[in-house]
Amino acid sequence: MLTYEPDATLAHRLDPRSKLLAQLGFAVAVFARGSALALGALTGLALVVLAAARLSPVRVLRAYWFVVVLLAVTPLFAAVRFGPPWLAPLAAVDSVVAGYRIVLVLFVSGAYVRTTPVRATRAAIQRHLPGRPGQLLGVGVGLVFRFFPLVLADLRSSQAAIAARAGDRRSALDRTRRLALVGLMRALDRADRLALALRARCFAYNPTLPPLAFSRLDYPVLVVGVALAVSPLL
């Protein structure tokens, strides 16, 4: 699972708001542009973003392997027909292209997660979405970024513990049931401890968040984000 890692890369020095706008514009351009030339150009841009964050595409694919597996299986279902000719390979082309677009978005999102602190993301959200909705969304984003990797780590440790106790000799259904039960119990236990920790620290919906300011590096990124967002209209 990708998490924030302190570094001195170009992407780390950008304001989270410019990176969020660039992500939005990239997603709009990816799903609105269908030509092979446009997808090729967006692929090059995604690789440039990964290079700016010093992040390998392989690492992103490994981090989101469950999404990649679903995207790989979807074309098979799209090609199956419940009647003659039973299999239509050309019908899977659209599914493959759609999956490739999602992978490109994952590349850019992974670069954002690695280069942006959770508190900075929360500050960007609450600054531009005022009131309680912005506070709730900022808190939710922060908790998801911090809580979800812990749940995944618990599942991995539970899976290793089951395998160490000769659990691999059991049926797949039994292993899945045990893993789901242990994972749910650990997630509930972590949620209880999180609630206690928030109360002990006098949790506030509107804490003092880090200041945000655009630098000279952010303005070209803002221009690219806006250009990508309006490119389908051109």
Foldseek 3Di string as FASTA:
>chain_A
DFAADDDDFPLLPFQLVLLVLLLVLLLLLLVLDDDPVSVVVLLVVLVVLCVSLVHDLVVLCVVPVVLVVVLVCVLVVQQADPDPVRGHNVSSPVSNSVSVSVSSSSSSVSSSRHNDHLLSVLVVQPVPPDDPVSLVVSVVSSCCSVLVVVLVVQLVVVLVVCVVVVVVVDDPVVSVVVSVVSSVVVSVVVVVVVVVVCVVVVNDSDDDTDDTDGDPSSVVSNVSSVCSNCVSVD
